[in-house]
Structure formats: structure tokens, C-alpha cells
Protein backbone atom coordinates (compact mmCIF):
# COMPACT_ATOMS: atom_id res chain seq x y z
CA MET A 1 28.07 27.44 114.98
CA PHE A 2 25.18 25.04 114.32
CA ASN A 3 24.78 26.37 110.73
CA TYR A 4 28.50 26.00 110.04
CA VAL A 5 28.41 22.40 111.24
CA LEU A 6 25.46 21.67 108.92
CA ARG A 7 27.19 23.20 105.88
CA LEU A 8 30.44 21.28 106.48
CA SER A 9 28.69 17.98 107.10
CA GLY A 10 26.38 18.23 104.04
CA LEU A 11 23.28 17.63 106.12
CA GLU A 12 19.88 19.21 105.64
CA ALA A 13 18.08 21.04 108.45
CA ASN A 14 14.70 22.66 108.90
CA ARG A 15 13.26 24.39 111.97
CA SER A 16 9.62 24.16 112.92
CA GLY A 17 9.00 26.31 116.02
CA ARG A 18 11.61 25.30 118.57
CA THR A 19 12.27 21.94 116.87
CA VAL A 20 15.11 21.46 114.31
CA PHE A 21 15.01 18.47 111.93
CA VAL A 22 18.45 17.34 110.71
CA GLY A 23 19.24 14.56 108.25
CA PRO A 24 21.00 13.71 104.97
CA ARG A 25 17.66 13.90 103.05
CA LEU A 26 14.63 15.20 104.86
CA PRO A 27 11.10 14.14 103.80
CA ASN A 28 8.84 16.76 102.22
CA SER A 29 6.66 16.90 105.33
CA THR A 30 9.60 18.36 107.31
CA ARG A 31 10.81 20.77 104.58
CA ASP A 32 9.69 24.21 103.45
CA VAL A 33 8.59 23.55 99.84
CA VAL A 34 6.99 26.07 97.48
CA MET A 35 5.58 25.70 93.93
CA ARG A 36 5.81 28.28 91.13
CA ASN A 37 4.30 28.16 87.61
CA LEU A 38 6.06 30.04 84.81
CA ARG A 39 4.96 30.44 81.18
CA LEU A 40 7.84 30.97 78.79
CA ASN A 41 7.50 33.48 75.93
CA GLN A 42 10.69 33.32 73.85
CA VAL A 43 12.64 30.24 74.89
CA THR A 44 11.26 26.72 74.50
CA VAL A 45 10.62 24.30 77.34
CA GLY A 46 13.39 21.95 76.21
CA ILE A 47 16.07 24.65 76.27
CA ALA A 48 14.92 25.95 79.69
CA LEU A 49 14.92 22.47 81.23
CA ASN A 50 18.40 21.71 79.89
CA PHE A 51 19.63 24.95 81.44
CA LEU A 52 18.14 24.12 84.86
CA VAL A 53 19.44 20.54 84.73
CA SER A 54 22.94 21.84 84.08
CA LEU A 55 22.62 23.81 87.35
CA GLY A 56 21.66 20.66 89.28
CA ALA A 57 17.87 20.51 89.11
CA GLU A 58 15.96 17.37 88.25
CA SER A 59 13.54 17.68 85.33
CA ALA A 60 10.56 15.84 83.95
CA VAL A 61 8.92 16.90 80.67
CA ASN A 62 5.62 15.77 79.24
CA ARG A 63 6.01 15.14 75.49
CA GLU A 64 3.62 13.96 72.80
CA ARG A 65 4.77 11.90 69.86
CA GLN A 66 3.16 10.06 66.98
CA VAL A 67 3.53 6.27 66.83
CA THR A 68 2.83 4.34 63.61
CA ASN A 69 1.89 0.68 63.86
CA VAL A 70 1.97 -1.54 60.77
CA SER A 71 0.19 -4.90 60.90
CA ALA A 72 -0.48 -7.61 58.33
CA VAL A 73 -3.99 -9.08 58.29
CA PRO A 74 -4.35 -12.51 56.63
CA VAL A 75 -7.12 -12.76 54.04
CA ALA A 76 -7.25 -16.39 52.89
CA ALA A 77 -5.01 -19.36 52.38
CA GLY A 78 -2.39 -18.64 49.74
CA ALA A 79 -3.38 -14.99 49.39
CA ALA A 80 -1.11 -12.09 50.23
CA PRO A 81 -2.01 -10.47 53.56
CA ILE A 82 -3.40 -6.95 53.69
CA THR A 83 -1.16 -4.37 55.31
CA GLN A 84 -2.84 -1.93 57.67
CA THR A 85 -1.22 1.22 59.03
CA GLN A 86 -2.45 3.00 62.14
CA THR A 87 -1.01 6.20 63.56
CA THR A 88 -1.66 7.15 67.18
CA THR A 89 -0.45 9.91 69.49
CA GLU A 90 1.02 8.88 72.81
CA THR A 91 2.23 10.90 75.77
CA ARG A 92 5.34 10.03 77.71
CA VAL A 93 7.42 11.57 80.47
CA GLU A 94 11.17 12.05 80.03
CA THR A 95 13.40 12.71 83.07
CA GLN A 96 16.86 14.25 83.25
CA ARG A 97 19.49 14.50 85.98
CA ILE A 98 23.17 15.37 85.93
CA ASP A 99 25.73 14.26 88.52
CA PHE A 100 28.91 16.23 89.16
CA LEU A 101 32.05 14.53 90.46
CA ASP A 102 34.00 17.25 92.28
CA SER A 103 31.31 19.84 93.05
CA LYS A 104 27.83 19.99 94.41
CA PRO A 105 25.22 21.47 92.01
CA LEU A 106 23.72 24.78 92.99
CA LEU A 107 20.07 23.80 92.37
CA ARG A 108 20.29 20.29 93.79
CA GLY A 109 16.91 19.53 95.38
CA LEU A 110 14.84 21.51 92.84
CA GLN A 111 12.26 19.82 90.66
CA ALA A 112 11.51 21.35 87.22
CA LEU A 113 8.47 20.03 85.36
CA GLY A 114 7.72 21.10 81.78
CA ASP A 115 4.73 20.95 79.45
CA GLU A 116 5.44 21.39 75.75
CA ARG A 117 1.81 22.03 74.79
CA THR A 118 1.57 25.22 76.86
CA ASN A 119 5.34 25.94 76.86
CA SER A 120 5.28 26.36 80.64
CA LEU A 121 7.39 25.27 83.63
CA THR A 122 6.50 24.25 87.19
CA LEU A 123 9.24 24.68 89.84
CA ILE A 124 9.01 22.73 93.13
CA GLY A 125 11.58 23.11 95.91
CA PRO A 126 12.84 25.30 98.73
CA PRO A 127 12.03 29.00 98.39
CA ARG A 128 15.68 29.95 98.00
CA LEU A 129 16.23 27.50 95.10
CA VAL A 130 12.97 28.52 93.41
CA GLU A 131 13.93 32.20 93.53
CA MET A 132 17.38 31.44 92.09
CA ALA A 133 15.81 29.41 89.24
CA MET A 134 13.24 32.17 88.53
CA ALA A 135 16.01 34.78 88.30
CA GLN A 136 17.97 32.66 85.82
CA LEU A 137 14.91 31.91 83.68
CA THR A 138 14.03 35.61 83.52
CA GLN A 139 17.43 36.35 81.98
CA LEU A 140 17.12 33.35 79.66
CA ASP A 141 13.64 34.22 78.41
CA VAL A 142 14.54 37.61 76.89
CA ARG A 143 13.36 38.68 73.45
CA ARG A 144 15.70 38.36 70.53
CA ARG A 145 16.59 41.67 68.96
CA GLN A 146 15.49 42.38 65.43
CA VAL A 147 17.16 44.43 62.75
CA ALA A 148 15.81 45.96 59.54
CA VAL A 149 18.44 45.48 56.83
CA ASN A 150 18.12 47.70 53.78
CA VAL A 151 20.06 46.32 50.82
CA LYS A 152 20.52 48.30 47.62
CA ILE A 153 22.00 46.33 44.73
CA ILE A 154 22.99 48.24 41.61
CA ASP A 155 24.02 46.38 38.47
CA VAL A 156 25.67 48.79 36.03
CA ASN A 157 26.27 47.60 32.47
CA LEU A 158 28.29 49.91 30.22
CA LEU A 159 28.45 48.97 26.52
CA ASN A 160 30.50 50.75 23.87
CA THR A 161 30.55 49.31 20.34
CA LYS A 162 32.25 50.69 17.22
CA ASP A 163 31.47 49.04 13.89
CA VAL A 164 33.16 50.19 10.64
CA ASN A 165 32.30 48.46 7.36
CA THR A 166 33.11 49.27 3.71
CA SER A 167 31.42 47.89 0.63
CA PHE A 168 32.12 48.64 -3.04
CA SER A 169 31.89 46.98 -6.47
CA PHE A 170 32.81 47.61 -10.08
CA GLY A 171 32.69 45.81 -13.43
CA VAL A 172 35.01 45.70 -16.44
CA GLY A 173 33.57 44.06 -19.52
CA ASN A 174 31.98 40.83 -18.45
CA ASN A 175 33.96 40.72 -15.19
CA PHE A 176 32.52 41.87 -11.88
CA PHE A 177 34.26 42.52 -8.52
CA THR A 178 32.70 43.28 -5.13
CA SER A 179 33.99 43.78 -1.57
CA ASP A 180 31.55 43.70 1.35
CA GLY A 181 32.40 43.41 5.03
CA GLY A 182 35.96 42.25 4.39
CA ALA A 183 34.87 39.47 2.00
CA ALA A 184 35.75 39.66 -1.72
CA SER A 185 33.90 38.14 -4.68
CA LEU A 186 35.12 38.11 -8.32
CA ASN A 187 32.89 36.87 -11.16
CA PHE A 188 34.00 36.26 -14.74
CA GLY A 189 31.61 36.21 -17.66
CA GLY A 190 29.15 38.79 -16.36
CA SER A 191 27.50 36.56 -13.78
CA ARG A 192 28.26 34.15 -10.99
CA PRO A 193 27.94 30.39 -11.49
CA ALA A 194 24.81 28.63 -10.39
CA THR A 195 24.67 27.23 -6.90
CA SER A 196 23.92 23.58 -6.14
CA ALA A 197 20.36 24.48 -5.12
CA GLU A 198 19.74 26.41 -8.35
CA ALA A 199 21.25 23.65 -10.49
CA SER A 200 19.24 20.88 -8.78
CA SER A 201 15.98 22.79 -9.30
CA SER A 202 16.65 23.41 -13.04
CA ILE A 203 17.50 20.04 -14.55
CA THR A 204 16.24 20.57 -18.11
CA SER A 205 17.15 24.26 -18.50
CA THR A 206 20.00 26.61 -17.78
CA PRO A 207 19.93 27.82 -14.16
CA VAL A 208 19.15 31.48 -13.86
CA ILE A 209 19.03 34.02 -11.05
CA GLY A 210 15.56 35.16 -10.13
CA ASN A 211 14.90 38.74 -11.16
CA PRO A 212 14.46 40.91 -8.05
CA ILE A 213 12.41 43.48 -10.03
CA GLN A 214 8.76 42.55 -10.31
CA GLY A 215 6.58 43.95 -13.11
CA ASP A 216 6.39 47.71 -12.65
CA GLY A 217 8.19 48.80 -15.87
CA VAL A 218 7.51 47.82 -19.50
CA PHE A 219 10.42 47.70 -21.96
CA LEU A 220 10.01 47.45 -25.77
CA ASN A 221 12.37 45.86 -28.25
CA ASN A 222 14.44 48.34 -30.23
CA GLY A 223 13.98 46.96 -33.80
CA PHE A 224 11.72 45.19 -36.23
CA PHE A 225 8.94 47.83 -36.38
CA ASN A 226 6.93 48.58 -39.52
CA PRO A 227 6.13 52.14 -40.66
CA GLN A 228 2.84 52.04 -38.75
CA GLY A 229 4.77 51.61 -35.47
CA ARG A 230 3.83 47.98 -34.98
CA PRO A 231 6.29 45.07 -34.80
CA SER A 232 6.56 43.43 -38.14
CA ALA A 233 5.39 39.90 -38.67
CA ASP A 234 8.94 38.58 -38.94
CA ALA A 235 10.14 40.33 -35.75
CA PRO A 236 11.85 37.71 -33.50
CA VAL A 237 11.06 37.54 -29.82
CA SER A 238 13.70 38.54 -27.25
CA THR A 239 16.03 35.60 -26.54
CA ASN A 240 18.65 37.44 -24.45
CA PRO A 241 17.92 36.72 -20.74
CA LEU A 242 19.84 39.87 -19.80
CA GLN A 243 17.72 42.26 -21.92
CA PRO A 244 14.05 43.16 -21.51
CA GLY A 245 11.77 42.98 -24.54
CA ILE A 246 8.99 41.04 -26.23
CA SER A 247 8.89 37.42 -25.18
CA GLU A 248 5.84 36.45 -27.29
CA PHE A 249 4.23 38.11 -30.44
CA SER A 250 1.23 37.20 -32.61
CA PRO A 251 0.42 39.50 -35.65
CA GLY A 252 -3.18 40.54 -36.20
CA THR A 253 -5.29 40.47 -39.41
CA PRO A 254 -6.03 43.75 -41.34
CA GLY A 255 -9.61 44.93 -41.94
CA GLU A 256 -11.40 44.51 -45.38
CA SER A 257 -13.56 47.06 -47.33
CA THR A 258 -16.13 46.08 -50.09
CA THR A 259 -17.64 48.70 -52.54
CA GLU A 260 -20.76 47.95 -54.65
CA ILE A 261 -23.29 49.91 -56.84
CA VAL A 262 -26.76 50.09 -55.40
CA PRO A 263 -29.92 51.94 -56.72
CA THR A 264 -30.70 55.10 -54.85
CA ALA A 265 -34.01 56.15 -56.74
CA ILE A 266 -36.85 53.99 -58.24
CA ASP A 267 -39.62 55.03 -60.74
CA PRO A 268 -43.01 54.43 -59.12
CA ALA A 269 -44.78 53.74 -62.39
CA THR A 270 -42.40 51.20 -63.81
CA GLY A 271 -40.64 50.07 -60.64
CA LEU A 272 -37.20 50.43 -62.30
CA PRO A 273 -34.24 52.27 -60.77
CA THR A 274 -33.69 55.70 -62.20
CA ARG A 275 -30.43 56.55 -60.20
CA TYR A 276 -27.48 54.55 -58.79
CA GLY A 277 -24.86 55.16 -56.05
CA PHE A 278 -21.84 53.54 -54.30
CA GLN A 279 -22.06 51.64 -50.90
CA THR A 280 -18.88 50.63 -48.94
CA THR A 281 -18.93 47.81 -46.35
CA THR A 282 -15.93 47.52 -43.92
CA THR A 283 -15.04 44.37 -41.97
CA PRO A 284 -12.74 45.07 -38.88
CA GLY A 285 -9.55 43.03 -38.43
CA THR A 286 -7.88 41.59 -35.27
CA PRO A 287 -5.19 43.56 -33.36
CA ASP A 288 -1.63 42.41 -32.80
CA THR A 289 -0.95 40.51 -29.53
CA TYR A 290 2.47 40.59 -27.87
CA THR A 291 3.83 40.04 -24.35
CA PHE A 292 6.40 42.29 -22.72
CA SER A 293 8.69 40.62 -20.15
CA LEU A 294 11.50 41.62 -17.86
CA PRO A 295 14.81 39.78 -18.13
CA SER A 296 14.81 36.39 -16.43
CA LEU A 297 18.52 36.71 -15.55
CA TYR A 298 19.46 39.69 -13.37
CA GLN A 299 22.72 41.42 -14.37
CA PHE A 300 24.57 43.49 -11.77
CA PRO A 301 25.63 47.01 -12.75
CA LYS A 302 29.23 47.39 -13.96
CA ARG A 303 29.84 50.94 -12.84
CA PHE A 304 31.87 51.74 -9.73
CA LEU A 305 29.81 51.71 -6.53
CA LEU A 306 31.01 52.46 -2.99
CA SER A 307 29.27 52.19 0.38
CA LEU A 308 30.79 53.13 3.74
CA GLN A 309 29.05 52.09 6.97
CA SER A 310 30.10 53.31 10.40
CA GLN A 311 28.19 52.65 13.59
CA VAL A 312 28.84 53.53 17.24
CA GLN A 313 26.64 51.99 19.94
CA SER A 314 26.72 52.89 23.60
CA GLY A 315 24.49 51.47 26.31
CA ASN A 316 24.03 52.12 30.01
CA ALA A 317 21.72 49.74 31.85
CA LYS A 318 21.08 50.09 35.57
CA ILE A 319 19.07 47.56 37.53
CA LEU A 320 18.22 48.79 41.02
CA THR A 321 16.64 46.68 43.72
CA ASP A 322 15.95 48.05 47.18
CA PRO A 323 14.55 45.38 49.54
CA THR A 324 14.24 45.83 53.32
CA LEU A 325 14.45 42.62 55.35
CA ILE A 326 13.36 42.19 58.98
CA VAL A 327 15.62 39.55 60.52
CA GLN A 328 15.93 38.30 64.08
CA GLU A 329 19.24 37.78 65.79
CA GLY A 330 20.73 34.45 64.74
CA GLN A 331 18.39 34.08 61.75
CA SER A 332 18.84 34.53 57.99
CA ALA A 333 16.65 35.87 55.16
CA ASN A 334 16.69 35.42 51.39
CA VAL A 335 15.48 37.48 48.42
CA ASN A 336 15.08 35.85 45.00
CA LEU A 337 14.29 37.94 41.91
CA THR A 338 14.86 35.29 39.27
CA GLN A 339 13.41 33.63 36.23
CA GLU A 340 14.00 30.20 34.72
CA VAL A 341 15.87 29.51 31.47
CA VAL A 342 16.89 26.25 29.84
CA GLY A 343 20.56 25.76 30.65
CA ASN A 344 21.19 22.22 29.42
CA LEU A 345 19.52 19.21 27.85
CA LYS A 346 19.93 15.62 28.95
CA ARG A 347 19.13 12.92 26.41
CA GLU A 348 18.77 9.29 27.48
CA ILE A 349 18.04 6.31 25.22
CA THR A 350 16.88 3.06 26.84
CA ARG A 351 17.03 0.00 24.61
CA GLY A 352 15.10 -3.18 25.28
CA ASP A 353 14.07 -6.24 23.32
CA GLY A 354 13.52 -4.71 19.91
CA THR A 355 12.35 -1.40 21.37
CA SER A 356 14.03 1.84 22.35
CA THR A 357 12.78 4.73 24.43
CA GLU A 358 14.25 8.21 24.19
CA THR A 359 13.86 10.69 27.05
CA VAL A 360 14.89 14.34 26.73
CA THR A 361 15.04 16.27 30.01
CA ALA A 362 15.52 20.01 30.16
CA GLU A 363 17.69 21.24 33.01
CA LYS A 364 16.53 24.69 34.07
CA ALA A 365 18.66 27.38 35.67
CA ASN A 366 17.57 30.44 37.65
CA VAL A 367 18.90 33.76 36.37
CA GLY A 368 18.54 37.09 38.11
CA LEU A 369 19.32 38.32 41.61
CA THR A 370 19.70 36.11 44.69
CA LEU A 371 20.46 37.72 48.04
CA ALA A 372 21.08 36.02 51.41
CA VAL A 373 21.49 38.01 54.64
CA LYS A 374 22.39 36.42 57.98
CA ILE A 375 22.33 38.31 61.29
CA ASP A 376 24.89 36.79 63.61
CA ARG A 377 24.68 39.09 66.65
CA ILE A 378 23.25 42.38 67.88
CA ASP A 379 25.13 43.60 70.95
CA ASP A 380 24.14 46.10 73.64
CA ASN A 381 26.43 48.79 72.19
CA GLY A 382 24.43 49.20 68.97
CA PHE A 383 26.65 47.09 66.71
CA VAL A 384 25.27 44.53 64.28
CA SER A 385 27.37 41.59 63.09
CA LEU A 386 26.06 40.20 59.81
CA SER A 387 27.06 38.64 56.51
CA VAL A 388 25.61 39.13 53.04
CA ALA A 389 26.05 37.04 49.88
CA PRO A 390 24.55 38.54 46.69
CA THR A 391 24.62 36.60 43.42
CA VAL A 392 23.79 38.03 39.98
CA LYS A 393 23.23 35.57 37.13
CA ALA A 394 22.51 36.65 33.55
CA PRO A 395 21.84 34.63 30.38
CA GLN A 396 24.44 34.96 27.64
CA ALA A 397 24.22 34.30 23.92
CA PRO A 398 21.88 31.39 23.14
CA ALA A 399 23.10 28.17 21.57
CA ASN A 400 21.25 25.52 19.59
CA ILE A 401 21.64 21.83 20.47
CA ASN A 402 20.82 19.13 17.96
CA LEU A 403 18.48 16.59 19.52
CA GLY A 404 19.37 13.91 16.99
CA THR A 405 15.81 13.50 15.71
CA GLY A 406 15.87 16.30 13.17
CA GLY A 407 14.93 18.93 15.75
CA SER A 408 16.93 21.40 17.78
CA GLN A 409 16.53 23.14 21.12
CA GLN A 410 17.82 26.54 22.18
CA ILE A 411 19.69 26.80 25.47
CA PHE A 412 21.31 29.70 27.29
CA LEU A 413 24.75 29.88 28.82
CA VAL A 414 24.63 31.57 32.23
CA SER A 415 27.26 33.95 33.61
CA GLU A 416 27.50 34.35 37.38
CA ARG A 417 28.90 37.15 39.56
CA SER A 418 28.78 36.55 43.31
CA LEU A 419 30.14 38.07 46.50
CA ASN A 420 30.40 36.70 50.05
CA SER A 421 31.20 39.45 52.54
CA GLY A 422 31.93 37.15 55.49
CA LEU A 423 31.17 38.47 58.98
CA VAL A 424 30.92 42.28 59.01
CA ARG A 425 30.28 44.49 62.06
CA LEU A 426 28.32 47.72 61.48
CA ARG A 427 26.96 50.37 63.77
CA ASP A 428 23.22 50.94 63.90
CA GLY A 429 22.28 53.03 60.82
CA GLN A 430 25.76 52.84 59.23
CA THR A 431 25.96 52.14 55.48
CA LEU A 432 28.54 49.76 54.06
CA ILE A 433 29.41 49.78 50.35
CA LEU A 434 30.56 46.48 48.87
CA SER A 435 31.94 46.70 45.35
CA GLY A 436 34.58 45.16 43.19
CA ILE A 437 32.46 42.63 41.31
CA ILE A 438 33.73 43.95 37.98
CA GLN A 439 33.79 42.21 34.62
CA ASP A 440 35.58 44.18 31.90
CA THR A 441 35.64 42.80 28.35
CA ASP A 442 37.43 44.27 25.32
CA ARG A 443 36.81 42.53 22.02
CA ALA A 444 37.98 43.45 18.52
CA THR A 445 36.96 41.56 15.37
CA VAL A 446 38.56 42.32 11.97
CA SER A 447 37.43 40.71 8.68
CA LYS A 448 39.64 41.62 5.71
CA ILE A 449 40.70 40.56 2.23
CA PRO A 450 44.20 39.08 2.32
CA ILE A 451 47.00 41.49 1.35
CA LEU A 452 44.57 44.23 0.25
CA GLY A 453 43.23 44.70 3.76
CA ASP A 454 46.76 45.38 5.10
CA ILE A 455 47.48 48.34 2.81
CA PRO A 456 47.66 51.60 4.83
CA LEU A 457 44.72 53.99 4.36
CA ILE A 458 43.32 52.26 1.28
CA GLY A 459 43.18 48.98 3.18
CA SER A 460 40.17 50.21 5.17
CA LEU A 461 38.10 49.74 2.00
CA PHE A 462 38.89 46.02 2.06
CA ARG A 463 38.19 45.19 5.69
CA ARG A 464 35.52 45.34 8.36
CA THR A 465 36.33 46.27 11.97
CA ASN A 466 34.16 45.71 15.02
CA LYS A 467 35.31 46.88 18.47
CA GLN A 468 33.27 46.17 21.57
CA ASN A 469 33.93 47.22 25.16
CA GLN A 470 31.63 45.98 27.91
CA ARG A 471 31.95 46.67 31.64
CA ASN A 472 29.68 45.10 34.23
CA GLU A 473 29.85 46.08 37.89
CA VAL A 474 27.73 45.12 40.88
CA ILE A 475 27.55 47.52 43.84
CA VAL A 476 25.93 46.53 47.16
CA LEU A 477 24.87 49.14 49.75
CA LEU A 478 24.07 47.63 53.15
CA THR A 479 22.35 49.58 55.96
CA PRO A 480 21.19 47.82 59.18
CA GLN A 481 18.82 49.52 61.65
CA VAL A 482 18.14 47.93 65.01
CA MET A 483 14.39 47.82 65.58
CA ASP A 484 12.80 49.39 68.63
CA ASP A 485 9.97 47.08 69.70
CA SER A 486 8.86 49.24 72.60
CA GLU A 487 5.47 50.96 72.73
CA LYS A 488 6.88 54.37 71.78
CA SER A 489 7.93 53.18 68.33
CA SER A 490 5.30 53.16 65.59
CA TYR A 491 7.14 51.28 62.89
CA GLY A 492 10.08 49.72 64.73
CA TYR A 493 12.72 51.73 62.91
CA SER A 494 13.11 55.10 61.24
CA TYR A 495 10.61 54.76 58.41
CA THR A 496 9.39 57.78 56.48
CA PRO A 497 6.35 57.01 54.32
CA SER A 498 5.54 58.84 51.11
CA PRO A 499 2.71 61.42 51.13
CA GLU A 500 0.28 58.97 49.49
CA VAL A 501 1.10 56.17 51.94
CA ARG A 502 0.93 58.63 54.85
CA GLN A 503 -2.67 59.52 53.96
CA ILE A 504 -3.68 55.85 53.79
CA LEU A 505 -2.11 55.10 57.19
CA GLU A 506 -3.72 58.13 58.81
CA ARG A 507 -7.18 57.10 57.53
CA ARG A 508 -6.71 53.76 59.27
CA GLY A 509 -5.88 55.46 62.56
CA LEU A 510 -2.16 54.61 62.64
CA GLN A 511 0.30 57.00 64.18
CA VAL A 512 2.59 58.37 61.48
CA PRO A 513 6.02 59.73 62.50
CA LYS A 514 6.58 63.40 61.85
CA GLN A 515 8.92 64.44 59.09
């Protein structure tokens, strides 16, 4: 009956021997007070104190913070003061208490003191309140579960290209016709006209086309030879730029022979010649000099020529990445396999008084694979709730940007394929396949000669056809495995090392799971 009266009246009571102390708030000397110290492992002191305060306890936490003081020190009259900065660390105590309006808190009368440096708590109060607070903190200070997420990302690129091209030419008289890649060209007079570049480089002479053949063959003129097989003195040099021949000729001088009578025998007594003979003296001449040259103007052949080109290209590129991420519950992890390319250029011109400053800034973009995995929850039934967001970026055909100063810069356009799975629940060890990031491109390019390219059958000789089919698909395979952080687990999850890695681990004394 006495206990019921105390509970209904809201009074406190404590018995010491045969004496009972009763009052609205008893002093500590008349109360049974115990003290418990608890070091927290997983949860922080701030979170634990907020939890106890919400149950009615009063808290006091010892925190350290850095304080920066800025002061100005005068130097001299008229001079700017010197600013000094000093940073100190101070310790202060912060208290918390919550008051309920319609209910009495369960842990009212319990003191909870915290120390952030050691991440520990000190509980002071009646034994019953201390035990209740210890039981709640034990449930609060549990380890977060961890999961090993294996993500396989496969990027499949299928390329199929068909390229058909025809090329032919023929000449009639001095007229020449050619068809190459769907483009036609018709020349009258045996040659094409000179281009602006050829005409500007040949001001004083007739523009010619450079001969693609360089000095392996020697061609002789067909006429003006004397009976000895040498060009005669009046043989003209070759003036036709389309024909090979002699471009320069200088005739030589013939040799001369002189015959005279000379004594061949002399009488010793009289010293007079008694017999005579003939002696011939020959003076050699100079040989003919002439220069053989190839034609300076190249003439295309006038016979019918035909060339058919057909090409089929097929490609299959597969990029496979297989990372395994260890993530705690409520945390996220990222994988970046990227490289930087120049995606854009920013040009700024700042003009002042008679001066201008130009600044060119290159904006870089990351291309490659970016993967973000977030673990939302791991429940007691072996289910993992997570979300994954892979992004695949690839550079496309480059483009040149004129910088305005006579130079150019090459940039790359970037294509992006991304997927956000949202929140997905998987069982431990279950594999989820995410697909559907498909990009299918069909492209056909036809270059043809008007009217002639539309003729059935024969029209294929007057056009060029290029067909390209490209299919890109990204497939994501997601497998979470809840880690076992107990002592019986060697690697936390089902990991099977390769034979080479197994030998290295065994040499270091690690326990390797059996296959």
C-alpha cells in the first residue's frame, strides 16, 4: 500500500535499514546511486547522448573546438595596422534536457556524461535506471552489416559496314571521262584545265601537271637519225609536252687523220735517207651530247578502264569490368575507370585601354565507366536493398574548332549511356541482370551521278553505297553477398582464390578456404 501511494503521488522514497526517506526530490546522500563507464565502439557519443536524452536523461558532453582570434596591431601613425591571427583550442561543456508535457520520462533522474575524445559515456543514477540505459545502449551500439557487391559491366559494340564503290574511265579522241565513288569528271581537249594553285605558281609559262613518273625509263625520238645511228645536226628537240624524247642536243666534232712521208732507212756513210714510208696521225673528235627527258605534262590513258571495290567490315568489341566493392549498410561506393578528353573550348577576350587579352580555356570531360553503388539496408532475413547507377561515356568523331588566331583545336563530342536502377531488393548471393541500355544505329550513304546512277543494274557503276549498322548495349550483372565478420570466416564472404594466389596466401600463414 505504501508503494502504491508513492507511485500515485510522484514522490521519491529510499529505505536505509528501518528508516524510509520520502520527498519530491531526495538528496544524493539519501539515495542509492551507482556509476557505470561505457566505451562505445560503433555509435558516436553525440548520437548516444541524444538517444538517452529523448528517454528523459540529462546529459553533459565535453567538446573541444578551435577558436580563431583576429586582432589588429598598430604600427605607427598613419600606417596600416598589422593583422595577427591566432588559433586556440578550447574545451566547453554542453548540457541537454527534454521536458515532456503529458508524460513522465522513463529515465528521469539519470545523468549521462560524454567524452568525445575517448568516445565513452559515464552513467550516474539509481541502479534500475542505469541498467535500463545500459540495455538500450547495447542495442544501439551494434555493428553495421557489410556487403560485398560484385558488379560485372559488359559493353558490347557490334559493327557491320558494307561499302560498295565503282570506278571506271575511258577516252575518245581528246576527250576523257571518269567516274569514281559516284562523282563524274569530263575533260575536253585531252587534259583538265589548270587549277588556281597551278596557274598562280606558273605566271610566265603554261601551267602543266607534274609528271608522276620519275626517271626510270629512257625514251628516244623516232626521227632525224643519220646513217650512223646518231641524231643529225638539224634534228629538232622534242617540243610536245605529252611525248617523251630529246629535250636538248649538241652535235660533236669528227676526228681528223693526217698522212705524211717519212724516211725509214738512212745511209751511215752519207747520212742521207735511202728508203721512205707513210705515217698516219689521228686526232680524236668530241662525242654528241643530248638529254633525254620524260614528258612534262602527264596524259591519262584513253582506253576503257574499270575498277570495282566492295568491302564488308564487322566488329565485335567487348569491354568487361568486374569490380567487387565492400560497402557498409547506409553507405555508398564509387568506381571510376575514366580518362580525360577535351570536350569544349571557351575563348574570352578582355579589352582595356589600347590593349586586349585573349584567354582560351579547355573544358575537359571524363569518358569511360562510372559506377555508383549505395547500400540502403541489410535486414535479418538475408535481403539486401541497394541501388546502382552505371554510366558509360565514349568519345565520338572529333571536330576541329577555329581559335580565330590562325590555329585550330580538336575536340571530342561525348555520347553518354546511363542507368539508375532505383531501390532494388536482392537475396544474399542472388544475381540481378540489368539491361536495356541499347543504342541501335542504321546509316546508309549513297553518292551517285545524277540520272545515270538511277538506271537499274548499270546504275551501280555510277554510284557509291555505304551501309553501316552499329549496335551498342550495356549489360550490368549485380551480385551482393552479406559478409560474415565472425571469427569462423577467413575472407568475410565466399571467395575462391586462384591457385597462384592460394600459394601466396598459404606462405603467409593465412587460412585458405577449401575448394
